[in-house]
Amino acid sequence: MKDRIRQFLLGEKKDFQRLCRESGVTLDYQLNRQGVSVAKAIFRGREYADYFPFYEEATVVDIGAHFGYFALFAAGNLAPSAKIFAVEAEESNVEVLKANVTTNNCQNISIHHLAMAGKSGERTLHRSRAENNSLLQNYALLDGRSAGVPVRAVSLGAFMEQNGLDRIDFLKMDCEGAEYEILLNADKELLAKIETISMEFHDMKALENSSWKLVEKLRSSGFQIVKYVHEPTRRNLNYGKLIGTRRLS
C-alpha cells in the first residue's frame, strides 16, 4: 500500500512539474500539493481563458485567488504593464500565494488579504478545505467543517475606490457562495465599469441566491451571457460556470 501511494505521489509530482514547464511558471510541488487539481484546471484546462483579454494592457481582479494560479496565468498572458489584483481571505492560502508570486517575480500582481463581500466590515470566514473557505456558514457546513476566524471584508465598489480602479477588464470570481451578495448588492453604475465577469456559482439551496438570479442581474446590467453551464459535482449541490461580457457589444 505504501509503495502504491509513493508511486502515485511520484507520478503526480512529475505531472505537476510537466504542467509548470508547459505553462511557463515555477511552482514548488511540496508547497502546492494541496492545489494540484486547481492548478491543472486553470493552466491545462484553461478554465478562465474564454473572453480573457489576452496580451492587452488590462486590469484584472481575482476574487478567491487561492494559491495564485489564475493570477499567474493572467500575468503570463497580459501585457507587462497590466495590473492584477489577487484577493484572498484565508491566511494560509495567502502565504502560498505570496510565495508563488515571489518565485515567479510577478511585480504586476498585488496581493490583498481580505474577503470580498456585499458590504465592508468585519466578517467570519468559515474554514473548510483550502479552496472551499466561505463567508457563509451554511455553505461551509455542507463540507463538514465550519471553524470560523475573523476576516476583514470589503465591497467591490469600496475595493475599486481604494485601489483607484475606474474599470475592470476581467473579473474572475470563485468565492464559495459570496458571489451572490457581491453582485446582487452592486448597482448598475458599478457593474458598468466591468467588461467581463467569469465566475463559478455555488448552490445555496435558496431561491433568492440561485444562479438564475445572477444571470438576471448581469443581463439587466447590460452583460451578454455567453456561458451558463452546470458542472458535475460529488456533492448534492448544483455548481457551475457563468460568464457575462460586454466585449461583444
C-alpha atoms as a PDB file:
ATOM      1  CA  MET A   1       0.000   0.000   0.000  1.00  0.00           C
ATOM      2  CA  LYS A   2       2.825   2.397   0.887  1.00  0.00           C
ATOM      3  CA  ASP A   3       4.521   1.631  -2.433  1.00  0.00           C
ATOM      4  CA  ARG A   4       1.302   2.410  -4.311  1.00  0.00           C
ATOM      5  CA  ILE A   5       0.933   5.724  -2.506  1.00  0.00           C
ATOM      6  CA  ARG A   6       4.572   6.563  -3.190  1.00  0.00           C
ATOM      7  CA  GLN A   7       4.189   5.697  -6.881  1.00  0.00           C
ATOM      8  CA  PHE A   8       1.039   7.816  -7.098  1.00  0.00           C
ATOM      9  CA  LEU A   9       2.737  10.788  -5.467  1.00  0.00           C
ATOM     10  CA  LEU A  10       5.805  10.463  -7.664  1.00  0.00           C
ATOM     11  CA  GLY A  11       3.587  10.345 -10.738  1.00  0.00           C
ATOM     12  CA  GLU A  12       1.596  13.343  -9.553  1.00  0.00           C
ATOM     13  CA  LYS A  13       4.786  15.286  -8.854  1.00  0.00           C
ATOM     14  CA  LYS A  14       6.210  14.571 -12.313  1.00  0.00           C
ATOM     15  CA  ASP A  15       2.939  15.572 -13.962  1.00  0.00           C
ATOM     16  CA  PHE A  16       2.829  18.759 -11.868  1.00  0.00           C
ATOM     17  CA  GLN A  17       6.375  19.629 -12.895  1.00  0.00           C
ATOM     18  CA  ARG A  18       5.467  18.984 -16.540  1.00  0.00           C
ATOM     19  CA  LEU A  19       2.425  21.249 -16.110  1.00  0.00           C
ATOM     20  CA  CYS A  20       4.668  24.027 -14.798  1.00  0.00           C
ATOM     21  CA  ARG A  21       7.050  23.702 -17.740  1.00  0.00           C
ATOM     22  CA  GLU A  22       4.150  23.751 -20.200  1.00  0.00           C
ATOM     23  CA  SER A  23       2.696  26.838 -18.542  1.00  0.00           C
ATOM     24  CA  GLY A  24       5.931  28.762 -18.061  1.00  0.00           C
ATOM     25  CA  VAL A  25       5.625  29.015 -14.275  1.00  0.00           C
ATOM     26  CA  THR A  26       7.811  27.912 -11.384  1.00  0.00           C
ATOM     27  CA  LEU A  27       5.958  26.257  -8.501  1.00  0.00           C
ATOM     28  CA  ASP A  28       7.277  24.191  -5.611  1.00  0.00           C
ATOM     29  CA  TYR A  29       5.417  20.876  -5.554  1.00  0.00           C
ATOM     30  CA  GLN A  30       5.528  20.392  -1.787  1.00  0.00           C
ATOM     31  CA  LEU A  31       4.191  23.883  -1.161  1.00  0.00           C
ATOM     32  CA  ASN A  32       1.448  23.444  -3.763  1.00  0.00           C
ATOM     33  CA  ARG A  33       0.487  19.804  -3.250  1.00  0.00           C
ATOM     34  CA  GLN A  34      -2.978  20.689  -1.966  1.00  0.00           C
ATOM     35  CA  GLY A  35      -3.670  22.771  -5.062  1.00  0.00           C
ATOM     36  CA  VAL A  36      -2.622  20.408  -7.862  1.00  0.00           C
ATOM     37  CA  SER A  37      -6.159  19.871  -9.182  1.00  0.00           C
ATOM     38  CA  VAL A  38      -6.842  23.634  -9.170  1.00  0.00           C
ATOM     39  CA  ALA A  39      -3.584  24.355 -10.998  1.00  0.00           C
ATOM     40  CA  LYS A  40      -4.445  21.767 -13.653  1.00  0.00           C
ATOM     41  CA  ALA A  41      -7.907  23.254 -14.164  1.00  0.00           C
ATOM     42  CA  ILE A  42      -6.504  26.749 -14.688  1.00  0.00           C
ATOM     43  CA  PHE A  43      -3.328  26.094 -16.666  1.00  0.00           C
ATOM     44  CA  ARG A  44      -4.145  22.916 -18.569  1.00  0.00           C
ATOM     45  CA  GLY A  45      -7.940  23.105 -18.582  1.00  0.00           C
ATOM     46  CA  ARG A  46      -7.832  26.874 -19.274  1.00  0.00           C
ATOM     47  CA  GLU A  47     -10.803  27.355 -17.005  1.00  0.00           C
ATOM     48  CA  TYR A  48     -10.799  31.159 -17.322  1.00  0.00           C
ATOM     49  CA  ALA A  49      -9.483  31.564 -20.869  1.00  0.00           C
ATOM     50  CA  ASP A  50     -12.850  32.339 -22.503  1.00  0.00           C
ATOM     51  CA  TYR A  51     -13.198  36.097 -23.158  1.00  0.00           C
ATOM     52  CA  PHE A  52      -9.896  36.759 -21.384  1.00  0.00           C
ATOM     53  CA  PRO A  53      -8.159  39.930 -22.711  1.00  0.00           C
ATOM     54  CA  PHE A  54      -5.019  38.168 -23.942  1.00  0.00           C
ATOM     55  CA  TYR A  55      -1.896  40.369 -24.286  1.00  0.00           C
ATOM     56  CA  GLU A  56      -3.802  43.553 -23.514  1.00  0.00           C
ATOM     57  CA  GLU A  57      -2.868  46.259 -21.018  1.00  0.00           C
ATOM     58  CA  ALA A  58      -5.803  45.149 -18.894  1.00  0.00           C
ATOM     59  CA  THR A  59      -6.907  45.429 -15.285  1.00  0.00           C
ATOM     60  CA  VAL A  60      -7.789  42.047 -13.789  1.00  0.00           C
ATOM     61  CA  VAL A  61      -9.293  41.339 -10.373  1.00  0.00           C
ATOM     62  CA  ASP A  62      -9.149  37.798  -8.979  1.00  0.00           C
ATOM     63  CA  ILE A  63     -11.671  37.222  -6.170  1.00  0.00           C
ATOM     64  CA  GLY A  64     -10.838  33.981  -4.414  1.00  0.00           C
ATOM     65  CA  ALA A  65      -7.228  33.878  -5.568  1.00  0.00           C
ATOM     66  CA  HIS A  66      -6.401  30.700  -3.576  1.00  0.00           C
ATOM     67  CA  PHE A  67      -2.710  29.875  -4.276  1.00  0.00           C
ATOM     68  CA  GLY A  68      -2.467  32.388  -7.108  1.00  0.00           C
ATOM     69  CA  TYR A  69      -2.714  30.140 -10.156  1.00  0.00           C
ATOM     70  CA  PHE A  70      -5.148  32.315 -12.075  1.00  0.00           C
ATOM     71  CA  ALA A  71      -3.170  35.433 -11.146  1.00  0.00           C
ATOM     72  CA  LEU A  72      -0.050  33.761 -12.582  1.00  0.00           C
ATOM     73  CA  PHE A  73      -1.992  32.689 -15.689  1.00  0.00           C
ATOM     74  CA  ALA A  74      -3.107  36.303 -16.123  1.00  0.00           C
ATOM     75  CA  ALA A  75       0.409  37.667 -15.628  1.00  0.00           C
ATOM     76  CA  GLY A  76       1.755  35.328 -18.305  1.00  0.00           C
ATOM     77  CA  ASN A  77      -0.929  36.253 -20.816  1.00  0.00           C
ATOM     78  CA  LEU A  78      -1.245  40.035 -20.447  1.00  0.00           C
ATOM     79  CA  ALA A  79       0.929  42.980 -21.389  1.00  0.00           C
ATOM     80  CA  PRO A  80       3.727  43.631 -18.847  1.00  0.00           C
ATOM     81  CA  SER A  81       2.013  46.890 -17.889  1.00  0.00           C
ATOM     82  CA  ALA A  82      -1.250  45.130 -16.973  1.00  0.00           C
ATOM     83  CA  LYS A  83      -2.449  45.208 -13.373  1.00  0.00           C
ATOM     84  CA  ILE A  84      -3.626  42.110 -11.500  1.00  0.00           C
ATOM     85  CA  PHE A  85      -5.269  42.264  -8.072  1.00  0.00           C
ATOM     86  CA  ALA A  86      -5.331  38.936  -6.205  1.00  0.00           C
ATOM     87  CA  VAL A  87      -7.900  38.893  -3.378  1.00  0.00           C
ATOM     88  CA  GLU A  88      -7.806  36.004  -0.892  1.00  0.00           C
ATOM     89  CA  ALA A  89      -9.397  35.723   2.552  1.00  0.00           C
ATOM     90  CA  GLU A  90      -7.704  32.638   4.051  1.00  0.00           C
ATOM     91  CA  GLU A  91      -4.369  33.470   5.703  1.00  0.00           C
ATOM     92  CA  SER A  92      -2.663  30.127   4.965  1.00  0.00           C
ATOM     93  CA  ASN A  93      -3.636  30.433   1.301  1.00  0.00           C
ATOM     94  CA  VAL A  94      -2.207  33.951   1.231  1.00  0.00           C
ATOM     95  CA  GLU A  95       1.169  32.669   2.408  1.00  0.00           C
ATOM     96  CA  VAL A  96       1.353  30.195  -0.502  1.00  0.00           C
ATOM     97  CA  LEU A  97       0.038  32.882  -2.864  1.00  0.00           C
ATOM     98  CA  LYS A  98       2.801  35.266  -1.793  1.00  0.00           C
ATOM     99  CA  ALA A  99       5.473  32.581  -2.219  1.00  0.00           C
ATOM    100  CA  ASN A 100       4.236  31.679  -5.716  1.00  0.00           C
ATOM    101  CA  VAL A 101       4.092  35.304  -6.845  1.00  0.00           C
ATOM    102  CA  THR A 102       7.576  35.990  -5.449  1.00  0.00           C
ATOM    103  CA  THR A 103       9.067  32.857  -7.022  1.00  0.00           C
ATOM    104  CA  ASN A 104       7.738  33.914 -10.421  1.00  0.00           C
ATOM    105  CA  ASN A 105       8.801  37.563  -9.948  1.00  0.00           C
ATOM    106  CA  CYS A 106       5.362  38.867 -10.927  1.00  0.00           C
ATOM    107  CA  GLN A 107       5.643  42.507  -9.993  1.00  0.00           C
ATOM    108  CA  ASN A 108       2.322  43.437 -11.574  1.00  0.00           C
ATOM    109  CA  ILE A 109       0.360  41.215  -9.140  1.00  0.00           C
ATOM    110  CA  SER A 110      -0.748  42.899  -5.915  1.00  0.00           C
ATOM    111  CA  ILE A 111      -1.978  40.679  -3.076  1.00  0.00           C
ATOM    112  CA  HIS A 112      -4.883  41.654  -0.837  1.00  0.00           C
ATOM    113  CA  HIS A 113      -5.583  39.611   2.286  1.00  0.00           C
ATOM    114  CA  LEU A 114      -9.300  40.226   2.691  1.00  0.00           C
ATOM    115  CA  ALA A 115     -12.716  38.907   1.739  1.00  0.00           C
ATOM    116  CA  MET A 116     -14.901  40.436  -0.929  1.00  0.00           C
ATOM    117  CA  ALA A 117     -18.478  40.814   0.296  1.00  0.00           C
ATOM    118  CA  GLY A 118     -21.719  42.706  -0.174  1.00  0.00           C
ATOM    119  CA  LYS A 119     -20.558  45.448   2.174  1.00  0.00           C
ATOM    120  CA  SER A 120     -17.393  46.379   4.028  1.00  0.00           C
ATOM    121  CA  GLY A 121     -16.793  45.401   7.641  1.00  0.00           C
ATOM    122  CA  GLU A 122     -15.617  42.586   9.891  1.00  0.00           C
ATOM    123  CA  ARG A 123     -16.865  39.109   8.950  1.00  0.00           C
ATOM    124  CA  THR A 124     -16.255  35.497   9.914  1.00  0.00           C
ATOM    125  CA  LEU A 125     -14.512  33.217   7.433  1.00  0.00           C
ATOM    126  CA  HIS A 126     -15.691  29.630   7.899  1.00  0.00           C
ATOM    127  CA  ARG A 127     -12.841  27.287   7.176  1.00  0.00           C
ATOM    128  CA  SER A 128     -13.146  24.173   5.089  1.00  0.00           C
ATOM    129  CA  ARG A 129     -10.732  22.761   2.521  1.00  0.00           C
ATOM    130  CA  ALA A 130      -8.157  25.244   1.224  1.00  0.00           C
ATOM    131  CA  GLU A 131     -10.255  26.140  -1.832  1.00  0.00           C
ATOM    132  CA  ASN A 132     -13.655  25.946  -0.119  1.00  0.00           C
ATOM    133  CA  ASN A 133     -13.493  28.508   2.698  1.00  0.00           C
ATOM    134  CA  SER A 134     -16.647  30.602   2.807  1.00  0.00           C
ATOM    135  CA  LEU A 135     -18.175  33.675   4.417  1.00  0.00           C
ATOM    136  CA  LEU A 136     -21.399  31.659   4.616  1.00  0.00           C
ATOM    137  CA  GLN A 137     -21.627  29.200   7.470  1.00  0.00           C
ATOM    138  CA  ASN A 138     -24.362  27.092   5.906  1.00  0.00           C
ATOM    139  CA  TYR A 139     -22.194  26.546   2.826  1.00  0.00           C
ATOM    140  CA  ALA A 140     -19.153  25.587   4.920  1.00  0.00           C
ATOM    141  CA  LEU A 141     -21.270  23.172   6.969  1.00  0.00           C
ATOM    142  CA  LEU A 142     -22.123  21.273   3.803  1.00  0.00           C
ATOM    143  CA  ASP A 143     -18.435  20.396   3.597  1.00  0.00           C
ATOM    144  CA  GLY A 144     -18.461  19.030   7.132  1.00  0.00           C
ATOM    145  CA  ARG A 145     -16.411  21.768   8.788  1.00  0.00           C
ATOM    146  CA  SER A 146     -17.184  25.315   9.844  1.00  0.00           C
ATOM    147  CA  ALA A 147     -14.477  26.632  12.194  1.00  0.00           C
ATOM    148  CA  GLY A 148     -14.594  30.421  11.943  1.00  0.00           C
ATOM    149  CA  VAL A 149     -11.898  33.097  12.008  1.00  0.00           C
ATOM    150  CA  PRO A 150     -12.341  36.880  11.761  1.00  0.00           C
ATOM    151  CA  VAL A 151     -11.539  38.487   8.425  1.00  0.00           C
ATOM    152  CA  ARG A 152     -11.733  42.000   7.006  1.00  0.00           C
ATOM    153  CA  ALA A 153     -14.314  42.267   4.254  1.00  0.00           C
ATOM    154  CA  VAL A 154     -14.746  44.926   1.597  1.00  0.00           C
ATOM    155  CA  SER A 155     -17.397  45.561  -1.028  1.00  0.00           C
ATOM    156  CA  LEU A 156     -16.493  45.508  -4.706  1.00  0.00           C
ATOM    157  CA  GLY A 157     -17.167  49.244  -5.003  1.00  0.00           C
ATOM    158  CA  ALA A 158     -15.022  50.067  -1.987  1.00  0.00           C
ATOM    159  CA  PHE A 159     -12.193  47.885  -3.286  1.00  0.00           C
ATOM    160  CA  MET A 160     -12.209  49.673  -6.631  1.00  0.00           C
ATOM    161  CA  GLU A 161     -12.234  53.068  -4.921  1.00  0.00           C
ATOM    162  CA  GLN A 162      -9.430  52.142  -2.513  1.00  0.00           C
ATOM    163  CA  ASN A 163      -7.239  50.939  -5.362  1.00  0.00           C
ATOM    164  CA  GLY A 164      -8.032  53.738  -7.793  1.00  0.00           C
ATOM    165  CA  LEU A 165      -9.773  51.495 -10.336  1.00  0.00           C
ATOM    166  CA  ASP A 166     -12.143  53.232 -12.724  1.00  0.00           C
ATOM    167  CA  ARG A 167     -12.718  49.992 -14.650  1.00  0.00           C
ATOM    168  CA  ILE A 168     -12.085  46.242 -14.520  1.00  0.00           C
ATOM    169  CA  ASP A 169     -11.449  44.459 -17.807  1.00  0.00           C
ATOM    170  CA  PHE A 170     -11.753  40.930 -16.402  1.00  0.00           C
ATOM    171  CA  LEU A 171     -13.272  39.995 -13.047  1.00  0.00           C
ATOM    172  CA  LYS A 172     -12.706  36.382 -12.013  1.00  0.00           C
ATOM    173  CA  MET A 173     -14.841  35.119  -9.117  1.00  0.00           C
ATOM    174  CA  ASP A 174     -14.576  31.872  -7.165  1.00  0.00           C
ATOM    175  CA  CYS A 175     -15.720  32.815  -3.683  1.00  0.00           C
ATOM    176  CA  GLU A 176     -17.825  29.909  -2.408  1.00  0.00           C
ATOM    177  CA  GLY A 177     -21.249  31.498  -2.241  1.00  0.00           C
ATOM    178  CA  ALA A 178     -20.243  35.123  -1.614  1.00  0.00           C
ATOM    179  CA  GLU A 179     -20.823  35.828  -5.319  1.00  0.00           C
ATOM    180  CA  TYR A 180     -24.493  36.434  -4.552  1.00  0.00           C
ATOM    181  CA  GLU A 181     -24.012  39.224  -2.028  1.00  0.00           C
ATOM    182  CA  ILE A 182     -21.172  40.765  -4.035  1.00  0.00           C
ATOM    183  CA  LEU A 183     -23.076  41.032  -7.308  1.00  0.00           C
ATOM    184  CA  LEU A 184     -26.678  41.352  -6.140  1.00  0.00           C
ATOM    185  CA  ASN A 185     -25.688  44.319  -3.943  1.00  0.00           C
ATOM    186  CA  ALA A 186     -23.761  46.042  -6.753  1.00  0.00           C
ATOM    187  CA  ASP A 187     -25.641  48.768  -8.637  1.00  0.00           C
ATOM    188  CA  LYS A 188     -25.705  49.172 -12.423  1.00  0.00           C
ATOM    189  CA  GLU A 189     -23.311  52.128 -12.312  1.00  0.00           C
ATOM    190  CA  LEU A 190     -20.684  49.977 -10.611  1.00  0.00           C
ATOM    191  CA  LEU A 191     -21.206  46.968 -12.870  1.00  0.00           C
ATOM    192  CA  ALA A 192     -20.993  49.250 -15.918  1.00  0.00           C
ATOM    193  CA  LYS A 193     -17.283  49.646 -15.075  1.00  0.00           C
ATOM    194  CA  ILE A 194     -16.658  45.918 -15.630  1.00  0.00           C
ATOM    195  CA  GLU A 195     -16.189  44.448 -19.110  1.00  0.00           C
ATOM    196  CA  THR A 196     -16.209  40.695 -18.384  1.00  0.00           C
ATOM    197  CA  ILE A 197     -17.160  38.617 -15.351  1.00  0.00           C
ATOM    198  CA  SER A 198     -16.081  34.966 -15.379  1.00  0.00           C
ATOM    199  CA  MET A 199     -17.193  33.054 -12.327  1.00  0.00           C
ATOM    200  CA  GLU A 200     -18.118  29.874 -10.553  1.00  0.00           C
ATOM    201  CA  PHE A 201     -21.521  29.795  -8.927  1.00  0.00           C
ATOM    202  CA  HIS A 202     -22.386  27.657  -5.922  1.00  0.00           C
ATOM    203  CA  ASP A 203     -25.712  26.242  -4.795  1.00  0.00           C
ATOM    204  CA  MET A 204     -27.032  27.839  -1.608  1.00  0.00           C
ATOM    205  CA  LYS A 205     -30.331  25.900  -1.848  1.00  0.00           C
ATOM    206  CA  ALA A 206     -32.291  29.151  -1.683  1.00  0.00           C
ATOM    207  CA  LEU A 207     -34.378  30.848  -4.368  1.00  0.00           C
ATOM    208  CA  GLU A 208     -33.043  34.315  -3.540  1.00  0.00           C
ATOM    209  CA  ASN A 209     -29.465  33.064  -4.006  1.00  0.00           C
ATOM    210  CA  SER A 210     -29.751  30.931  -7.112  1.00  0.00           C
ATOM    211  CA  SER A 211     -27.606  31.033 -10.233  1.00  0.00           C
ATOM    212  CA  TRP A 212     -30.551  32.316 -12.263  1.00  0.00           C
ATOM    213  CA  LYS A 213     -30.644  35.414 -10.034  1.00  0.00           C
ATOM    214  CA  LEU A 214     -27.051  36.090 -11.082  1.00  0.00           C
ATOM    215  CA  VAL A 215     -27.978  35.678 -14.743  1.00  0.00           C
ATOM    216  CA  GLU A 216     -30.883  38.106 -14.350  1.00  0.00           C
ATOM    217  CA  LYS A 217     -28.670  40.627 -12.535  1.00  0.00           C
ATOM    218  CA  LEU A 218     -25.974  40.583 -15.203  1.00  0.00           C
ATOM    219  CA  ARG A 219     -28.451  40.756 -18.081  1.00  0.00           C
ATOM    220  CA  SER A 220     -30.264  43.702 -16.531  1.00  0.00           C
ATOM    221  CA  SER A 221     -26.890  45.437 -16.116  1.00  0.00           C
ATOM    222  CA  GLY A 222     -26.003  45.186 -19.802  1.00  0.00           C
ATOM    223  CA  PHE A 223     -23.937  41.992 -19.948  1.00  0.00           C
ATOM    224  CA  GLN A 224     -24.381  39.332 -22.590  1.00  0.00           C
ATOM    225  CA  ILE A 225     -24.462  35.855 -21.048  1.00  0.00           C
ATOM    226  CA  VAL A 226     -22.076  33.794 -23.163  1.00  0.00           C
ATOM    227  CA  LYS A 227     -21.700  30.810 -20.843  1.00  0.00           C
ATOM    228  CA  TYR A 228     -24.079  29.313 -18.307  1.00  0.00           C
ATOM    229  CA  VAL A 229     -23.478  25.647 -17.538  1.00  0.00           C
ATOM    230  CA  HIS A 230     -23.857  23.275 -14.619  1.00  0.00           C
ATOM    231  CA  GLU A 231     -20.877  21.051 -13.912  1.00  0.00           C
ATOM    232  CA  PRO A 232     -20.677  17.536 -12.415  1.00  0.00           C
ATOM    233  CA  THR A 233     -20.311  17.540  -8.637  1.00  0.00           C
ATOM    234  CA  ARG A 234     -19.574  14.935  -5.998  1.00  0.00           C
ATOM    235  CA  ARG A 235     -21.928  16.593  -3.551  1.00  0.00           C
ATOM    236  CA  ASN A 236     -25.667  17.071  -3.694  1.00  0.00           C
ATOM    237  CA  LEU A 237     -25.210  20.655  -4.811  1.00  0.00           C
ATOM    238  CA  ASN A 238     -25.635  22.490  -8.079  1.00  0.00           C
ATOM    239  CA  TYR A 239     -22.395  24.077  -9.222  1.00  0.00           C
ATOM    240  CA  GLY A 240     -21.423  25.687 -12.479  1.00  0.00           C
ATOM    241  CA  LYS A 241     -19.806  28.384 -14.580  1.00  0.00           C
ATOM    242  CA  LEU A 242     -21.167  31.727 -15.703  1.00  0.00           C
ATOM    243  CA  ILE A 243     -19.632  34.337 -17.991  1.00  0.00           C
ATOM    244  CA  GLY A 244     -21.122  37.735 -18.684  1.00  0.00           C
ATOM    245  CA  THR A 245     -19.349  40.114 -21.054  1.00  0.00           C
ATOM    246  CA  ARG A 246     -19.628  43.423 -22.899  1.00  0.00           C
ATOM    247  CA  ARG A 247     -16.850  42.566 -25.354  1.00  0.00           C
ATOM    248  CA  LEU A 248     -19.404  41.530 -27.972  1.00  0.00           C
ATOM    249  CA  SER A 249     -21.374  44.779 -27.764  1.00  0.00           C
END
